[in-house]
């Protein structure tokens, strides 16, 4: 699940504040006159002790690198599939789960009846509450792309939502190619 915009903004703000504090701490260890802002005891401790200043500088740099790497991963790296199966029912009698691969196959079959689609690939991701669907497809030259994609989104929402009971979040449709109608066949090829 990718971070939401609010999560990204909060992460970015917290990271900037952390980096600013680390930068201040670094300046205090490097420049003895700057250390007076941190307190007289701290300034006296650092004044003649070059080994301690180097050690504190290295610690501050390591922390800054760690914060930057975690920030990069949180904001810009796409997580691997967060879920391989979806719990349909859980209770005293046990648990019923369905694999996302099975749901992807079901979505391809449901979408197979839509005219103007040549080939498609379906990928489902999400969490136990919300499923997100990505569809990559080829359409024929005679297809009206807005109608085809709108129909696909609604078909996926109806089929998967009705079958699993889970909320369907984003249904992203990517038209990757437009092929001649003479080559058109039924979809479902992966």
C-alpha atoms as a PDB file:
ATOM      1  CA  UNK A   1       0.000   0.000   0.000  1.00  0.00           C
ATOM      2  CA  UNK A   2       1.522   3.299  -0.990  1.00  0.00           C
ATOM      3  CA  UNK A   3       1.547   6.119   1.539  1.00  0.00           C
ATOM      4  CA  UNK A   4      -1.307   8.603   1.347  1.00  0.00           C
ATOM      5  CA  UNK A   5      -0.566  12.262   0.643  1.00  0.00           C
ATOM      6  CA  UNK A   6      -1.186  13.233   4.285  1.00  0.00           C
ATOM      7  CA  UNK A   7       1.186  10.491   5.470  1.00  0.00           C
ATOM      8  CA  UNK A   8       3.825  11.669   3.019  1.00  0.00           C
ATOM      9  CA  UNK A   9       3.508  15.284   4.158  1.00  0.00           C
ATOM     10  CA  UNK A  10       3.743  14.310   7.838  1.00  0.00           C
ATOM     11  CA  UNK A  11       6.755  12.073   7.148  1.00  0.00           C
ATOM     12  CA  UNK A  12       8.441  14.825   5.171  1.00  0.00           C
ATOM     13  CA  UNK A  13       7.798  17.455   7.879  1.00  0.00           C
ATOM     14  CA  UNK A  14       9.030  15.179  10.668  1.00  0.00           C
ATOM     15  CA  UNK A  15      12.129  14.261   8.667  1.00  0.00           C
ATOM     16  CA  UNK A  16      12.944  17.900   7.931  1.00  0.00           C
ATOM     17  CA  UNK A  17      12.655  18.811  11.609  1.00  0.00           C
ATOM     18  CA  UNK A  18      14.828  15.818  12.544  1.00  0.00           C
ATOM     19  CA  UNK A  19      17.441  16.750   9.946  1.00  0.00           C
ATOM     20  CA  UNK A  20      17.486  20.363  11.158  1.00  0.00           C
ATOM     21  CA  UNK A  21      18.038  19.225  14.752  1.00  0.00           C
ATOM     22  CA  UNK A  22      20.788  16.855  13.643  1.00  0.00           C
ATOM     23  CA  UNK A  23      22.386  19.637  11.600  1.00  0.00           C
ATOM     24  CA  UNK A  24      22.317  21.906  14.659  1.00  0.00           C
ATOM     25  CA  UNK A  25      23.894  19.134  16.759  1.00  0.00           C
ATOM     26  CA  UNK A  26      26.530  18.646  14.083  1.00  0.00           C
ATOM     27  CA  UNK A  27      27.339  22.339  13.992  1.00  0.00           C
ATOM     28  CA  UNK A  28      27.673  22.340  17.785  1.00  0.00           C
ATOM     29  CA  UNK A  29      30.224  19.507  17.620  1.00  0.00           C
ATOM     30  CA  UNK A  30      32.226  21.035  14.777  1.00  0.00           C
ATOM     31  CA  UNK A  31      32.305  24.700  15.749  1.00  0.00           C
ATOM     32  CA  UNK A  32      33.072  25.285  19.457  1.00  0.00           C
ATOM     33  CA  UNK A  33      31.661  28.825  19.417  1.00  0.00           C
ATOM     34  CA  UNK A  34      28.383  27.415  18.047  1.00  0.00           C
ATOM     35  CA  UNK A  35      28.288  24.971  20.982  1.00  0.00           C
ATOM     36  CA  UNK A  36      27.649  27.829  23.396  1.00  0.00           C
ATOM     37  CA  UNK A  37      24.027  27.797  22.171  1.00  0.00           C
ATOM     38  CA  UNK A  38      23.738  24.258  23.504  1.00  0.00           C
ATOM     39  CA  UNK A  39      24.992  25.242  26.952  1.00  0.00           C
ATOM     40  CA  UNK A  40      28.162  26.235  28.727  1.00  0.00           C
ATOM     41  CA  UNK A  41      28.947  22.721  29.998  1.00  0.00           C
ATOM     42  CA  UNK A  42      28.615  21.276  26.493  1.00  0.00           C
ATOM     43  CA  UNK A  43      30.885  24.007  25.066  1.00  0.00           C
ATOM     44  CA  UNK A  44      33.543  23.404  27.736  1.00  0.00           C
ATOM     45  CA  UNK A  45      33.384  19.647  27.208  1.00  0.00           C
ATOM     46  CA  UNK A  46      33.968  19.995  23.474  1.00  0.00           C
ATOM     47  CA  UNK A  47      36.459  22.867  23.581  1.00  0.00           C
ATOM     48  CA  UNK A  48      39.705  20.899  23.812  1.00  0.00           C
ATOM     49  CA  UNK A  49      38.498  17.368  23.138  1.00  0.00           C
ATOM     50  CA  UNK A  50      38.996  16.700  19.410  1.00  0.00           C
ATOM     51  CA  UNK A  51      38.330  12.950  19.724  1.00  0.00           C
ATOM     52  CA  UNK A  52      34.939  13.571  21.318  1.00  0.00           C
ATOM     53  CA  UNK A  53      34.090  16.161  18.624  1.00  0.00           C
ATOM     54  CA  UNK A  54      34.982  13.701  15.839  1.00  0.00           C
ATOM     55  CA  UNK A  55      33.001  10.904  17.486  1.00  0.00           C
ATOM     56  CA  UNK A  56      29.916  13.097  17.948  1.00  0.00           C
ATOM     57  CA  UNK A  57      30.220  14.362  14.367  1.00  0.00           C
ATOM     58  CA  UNK A  58      30.308  10.788  13.042  1.00  0.00           C
ATOM     59  CA  UNK A  59      27.270   9.846  15.133  1.00  0.00           C
ATOM     60  CA  UNK A  60      25.349  12.878  13.861  1.00  0.00           C
ATOM     61  CA  UNK A  61      26.313  12.097  10.243  1.00  0.00           C
ATOM     62  CA  UNK A  62      25.247   8.455  10.648  1.00  0.00           C
ATOM     63  CA  UNK A  63      21.891   9.577  12.052  1.00  0.00           C
ATOM     64  CA  UNK A  64      21.425  12.061   9.194  1.00  0.00           C
ATOM     65  CA  UNK A  65      22.148   9.370   6.595  1.00  0.00           C
ATOM     66  CA  UNK A  66      19.737   6.985   8.349  1.00  0.00           C
ATOM     67  CA  UNK A  67      16.952   9.589   8.373  1.00  0.00           C
ATOM     68  CA  UNK A  68      17.538  10.420   4.693  1.00  0.00           C
ATOM     69  CA  UNK A  69      17.506   6.758   3.629  1.00  0.00           C
ATOM     70  CA  UNK A  70      14.335   6.003   5.613  1.00  0.00           C
ATOM     71  CA  UNK A  71      12.699   9.114   4.167  1.00  0.00           C
ATOM     72  CA  UNK A  72      13.628   8.063   0.616  1.00  0.00           C
ATOM     73  CA  UNK A  73      12.277   4.547   1.160  1.00  0.00           C
ATOM     74  CA  UNK A  74       9.050   5.770   2.766  1.00  0.00           C
ATOM     75  CA  UNK A  75       8.292   8.396   0.119  1.00  0.00           C
ATOM     76  CA  UNK A  76       9.625   7.013  -3.135  1.00  0.00           C
ATOM     77  CA  UNK A  77      10.003   3.240  -3.025  1.00  0.00           C
ATOM     78  CA  UNK A  78       7.020   1.123  -3.941  1.00  0.00           C
ATOM     79  CA  UNK A  79       6.472  -1.673  -1.470  1.00  0.00           C
ATOM     80  CA  UNK A  80       6.273  -5.241  -2.625  1.00  0.00           C
ATOM     81  CA  UNK A  81       2.856  -6.818  -2.698  1.00  0.00           C
ATOM     82  CA  UNK A  82       1.630  -6.299   0.832  1.00  0.00           C
ATOM     83  CA  UNK A  83      -0.750  -9.216   0.823  1.00  0.00           C
ATOM     84  CA  UNK A  84      -0.867 -12.565  -0.958  1.00  0.00           C
ATOM     85  CA  UNK A  85      -4.267 -13.722   0.267  1.00  0.00           C
ATOM     86  CA  UNK A  86      -7.423 -11.993   1.412  1.00  0.00           C
ATOM     87  CA  UNK A  87      -9.445 -13.142   4.413  1.00  0.00           C
ATOM     88  CA  UNK A  88     -13.073 -13.414   3.338  1.00  0.00           C
ATOM     89  CA  UNK A  89     -14.346 -14.648   6.665  1.00  0.00           C
ATOM     90  CA  UNK A  90     -12.776 -15.227  10.022  1.00  0.00           C
ATOM     91  CA  UNK A  91     -14.502 -16.490  13.122  1.00  0.00           C
ATOM     92  CA  UNK A  92     -14.955 -19.330  15.563  1.00  0.00           C
ATOM     93  CA  UNK A  93     -15.389 -21.885  12.783  1.00  0.00           C
ATOM     94  CA  UNK A  94     -12.067 -20.963  11.156  1.00  0.00           C
ATOM     95  CA  UNK A  95     -10.896 -18.681   8.417  1.00  0.00           C
ATOM     96  CA  UNK A  96     -11.659 -18.529   4.702  1.00  0.00           C
ATOM     97  CA  UNK A  97      -8.951 -16.960   2.520  1.00  0.00           C
ATOM     98  CA  UNK A  98      -8.650 -16.486  -1.226  1.00  0.00           C
ATOM     99  CA  UNK A  99      -5.404 -15.823  -3.067  1.00  0.00           C
ATOM    100  CA  UNK A 100      -4.937 -12.590  -4.968  1.00  0.00           C
ATOM    101  CA  UNK A 101      -3.930 -14.699  -7.973  1.00  0.00           C
ATOM    102  CA  UNK A 102      -7.397 -16.275  -7.931  1.00  0.00           C
ATOM    103  CA  UNK A 103      -9.011 -12.839  -7.672  1.00  0.00           C
ATOM    104  CA  UNK A 104      -6.902 -11.619 -10.601  1.00  0.00           C
ATOM    105  CA  UNK A 105      -8.068 -14.607 -12.652  1.00  0.00           C
ATOM    106  CA  UNK A 106     -11.682 -13.887 -11.714  1.00  0.00           C
ATOM    107  CA  UNK A 107     -11.284 -10.242 -12.726  1.00  0.00           C
ATOM    108  CA  UNK A 108      -9.799 -11.256 -16.112  1.00  0.00           C
ATOM    109  CA  UNK A 109     -12.774 -13.551 -16.774  1.00  0.00           C
ATOM    110  CA  UNK A 110     -15.257 -10.844 -15.786  1.00  0.00           C
ATOM    111  CA  UNK A 111     -13.488  -8.341 -18.029  1.00  0.00           C
ATOM    112  CA  UNK A 112     -13.287 -10.830 -20.916  1.00  0.00           C
ATOM    113  CA  UNK A 113     -16.767  -9.927 -22.108  1.00  0.00           C
ATOM    114  CA  UNK A 114     -15.956  -6.280 -22.830  1.00  0.00           C
ATOM    115  CA  UNK A 115     -15.768  -5.450 -26.543  1.00  0.00           C
ATOM    116  CA  UNK A 116     -12.710  -3.732 -27.926  1.00  0.00           C
ATOM    117  CA  UNK A 117     -10.175  -5.353 -25.606  1.00  0.00           C
ATOM    118  CA  UNK A 118      -7.408  -7.466 -27.138  1.00  0.00           C
ATOM    119  CA  UNK A 119      -5.221  -8.540 -24.213  1.00  0.00           C
ATOM    120  CA  UNK A 120      -5.000  -7.618 -20.564  1.00  0.00           C
ATOM    121  CA  UNK A 121      -3.000  -8.185 -17.421  1.00  0.00           C
ATOM    122  CA  UNK A 122      -4.590  -7.662 -14.008  1.00  0.00           C
ATOM    123  CA  UNK A 123      -2.745  -7.053 -10.736  1.00  0.00           C
ATOM    124  CA  UNK A 124      -4.483  -6.741  -7.377  1.00  0.00           C
ATOM    125  CA  UNK A 125      -2.866  -5.296  -4.277  1.00  0.00           C
ATOM    126  CA  UNK A 126      -4.071  -3.765  -1.060  1.00  0.00           C
ATOM    127  CA  UNK A 127      -4.836  -4.763   2.485  1.00  0.00           C
ATOM    128  CA  UNK A 128      -7.584  -6.670   4.287  1.00  0.00           C
ATOM    129  CA  UNK A 129      -9.970  -3.702   3.998  1.00  0.00           C
ATOM    130  CA  UNK A 130      -9.358  -2.271   0.528  1.00  0.00           C
ATOM    131  CA  UNK A 131      -8.264  -3.826  -2.755  1.00  0.00           C
ATOM    132  CA  UNK A 132      -6.588  -1.787  -5.489  1.00  0.00           C
ATOM    133  CA  UNK A 133      -6.671  -3.085  -9.051  1.00  0.00           C
ATOM    134  CA  UNK A 134      -4.315  -2.274 -11.924  1.00  0.00           C
ATOM    135  CA  UNK A 135      -5.268  -3.324 -15.437  1.00  0.00           C
ATOM    136  CA  UNK A 136      -2.838  -3.129 -18.357  1.00  0.00           C
ATOM    137  CA  UNK A 137      -4.564  -3.723 -21.675  1.00  0.00           C
ATOM    138  CA  UNK A 138      -4.462  -3.511 -25.433  1.00  0.00           C
ATOM    139  CA  UNK A 139      -7.524  -2.169 -27.221  1.00  0.00           C
ATOM    140  CA  UNK A 140      -8.605  -2.386 -30.828  1.00  0.00           C
ATOM    141  CA  UNK A 141      -8.601   0.625 -33.136  1.00  0.00           C
ATOM    142  CA  UNK A 142     -12.403   0.725 -33.226  1.00  0.00           C
ATOM    143  CA  UNK A 143     -12.789   0.851 -29.439  1.00  0.00           C
ATOM    144  CA  UNK A 144     -13.895   4.030 -27.695  1.00  0.00           C
ATOM    145  CA  UNK A 145     -11.287   4.129 -24.926  1.00  0.00           C
ATOM    146  CA  UNK A 146     -13.259   6.185 -22.342  1.00  0.00           C
ATOM    147  CA  UNK A 147     -16.237   3.809 -22.612  1.00  0.00           C
ATOM    148  CA  UNK A 148     -14.058   0.683 -22.499  1.00  0.00           C
ATOM    149  CA  UNK A 149     -12.079   1.826 -19.469  1.00  0.00           C
ATOM    150  CA  UNK A 150     -15.148   3.076 -17.592  1.00  0.00           C
ATOM    151  CA  UNK A 151     -16.864  -0.243 -18.238  1.00  0.00           C
ATOM    152  CA  UNK A 152     -13.795  -2.136 -17.024  1.00  0.00           C
ATOM    153  CA  UNK A 153     -13.631  -0.135 -13.809  1.00  0.00           C
ATOM    154  CA  UNK A 154     -17.299  -0.730 -13.048  1.00  0.00           C
ATOM    155  CA  UNK A 155     -17.120  -4.439 -13.953  1.00  0.00           C
ATOM    156  CA  UNK A 156     -14.130  -4.939 -11.627  1.00  0.00           C
ATOM    157  CA  UNK A 157     -15.821  -3.069  -8.778  1.00  0.00           C
ATOM    158  CA  UNK A 158     -19.009  -5.131  -9.163  1.00  0.00           C
ATOM    159  CA  UNK A 159     -17.309  -8.521  -9.599  1.00  0.00           C
ATOM    160  CA  UNK A 160     -14.628  -8.281  -6.917  1.00  0.00           C
ATOM    161  CA  UNK A 161     -16.646  -6.203  -4.463  1.00  0.00           C
ATOM    162  CA  UNK A 162     -19.603  -8.557  -4.687  1.00  0.00           C
ATOM    163  CA  UNK A 163     -17.453 -11.667  -4.391  1.00  0.00           C
ATOM    164  CA  UNK A 164     -15.127 -10.608  -1.562  1.00  0.00           C
ATOM    165  CA  UNK A 165     -17.132  -8.021   0.337  1.00  0.00           C
ATOM    166  CA  UNK A 166     -13.975  -5.893   0.464  1.00  0.00           C
ATOM    167  CA  UNK A 167     -14.020  -2.275  -0.579  1.00  0.00           C
ATOM    168  CA  UNK A 168     -12.497  -1.683  -3.986  1.00  0.00           C
ATOM    169  CA  UNK A 169     -10.197   1.327  -3.868  1.00  0.00           C
ATOM    170  CA  UNK A 170      -8.477   2.491  -7.029  1.00  0.00           C
ATOM    171  CA  UNK A 171      -9.108   0.719 -10.314  1.00  0.00           C
ATOM    172  CA  UNK A 172      -6.319   1.982 -12.563  1.00  0.00           C
ATOM    173  CA  UNK A 173      -6.568   1.159 -16.262  1.00  0.00           C
ATOM    174  CA  UNK A 174      -3.524   1.592 -18.500  1.00  0.00           C
ATOM    175  CA  UNK A 175      -3.957   1.288 -22.254  1.00  0.00           C
ATOM    176  CA  UNK A 176      -0.533   0.059 -23.330  1.00  0.00           C
ATOM    177  CA  UNK A 177      -1.245  -0.503 -27.049  1.00  0.00           C
ATOM    178  CA  UNK A 178      -3.850  -0.038 -29.754  1.00  0.00           C
ATOM    179  CA  UNK A 179      -4.001  -2.957 -32.180  1.00  0.00           C
ATOM    180  CA  UNK A 180      -5.825  -3.317 -35.511  1.00  0.00           C
ATOM    181  CA  UNK A 181      -9.313  -4.782 -35.313  1.00  0.00           C
ATOM    182  CA  UNK A 182      -8.384  -7.593 -37.720  1.00  0.00           C
ATOM    183  CA  UNK A 183      -5.952  -8.945 -35.092  1.00  0.00           C
ATOM    184  CA  UNK A 184      -8.570  -8.681 -32.363  1.00  0.00           C
ATOM    185  CA  UNK A 185      -9.333 -11.775 -30.406  1.00  0.00           C
ATOM    186  CA  UNK A 186     -10.875 -12.425 -27.071  1.00  0.00           C
ATOM    187  CA  UNK A 187      -9.025 -11.068 -24.035  1.00  0.00           C
ATOM    188  CA  UNK A 188      -7.649 -12.993 -21.126  1.00  0.00           C
ATOM    189  CA  UNK A 189      -4.210 -13.671 -22.505  1.00  0.00           C
ATOM    190  CA  UNK A 190      -1.572 -12.631 -20.047  1.00  0.00           C
END
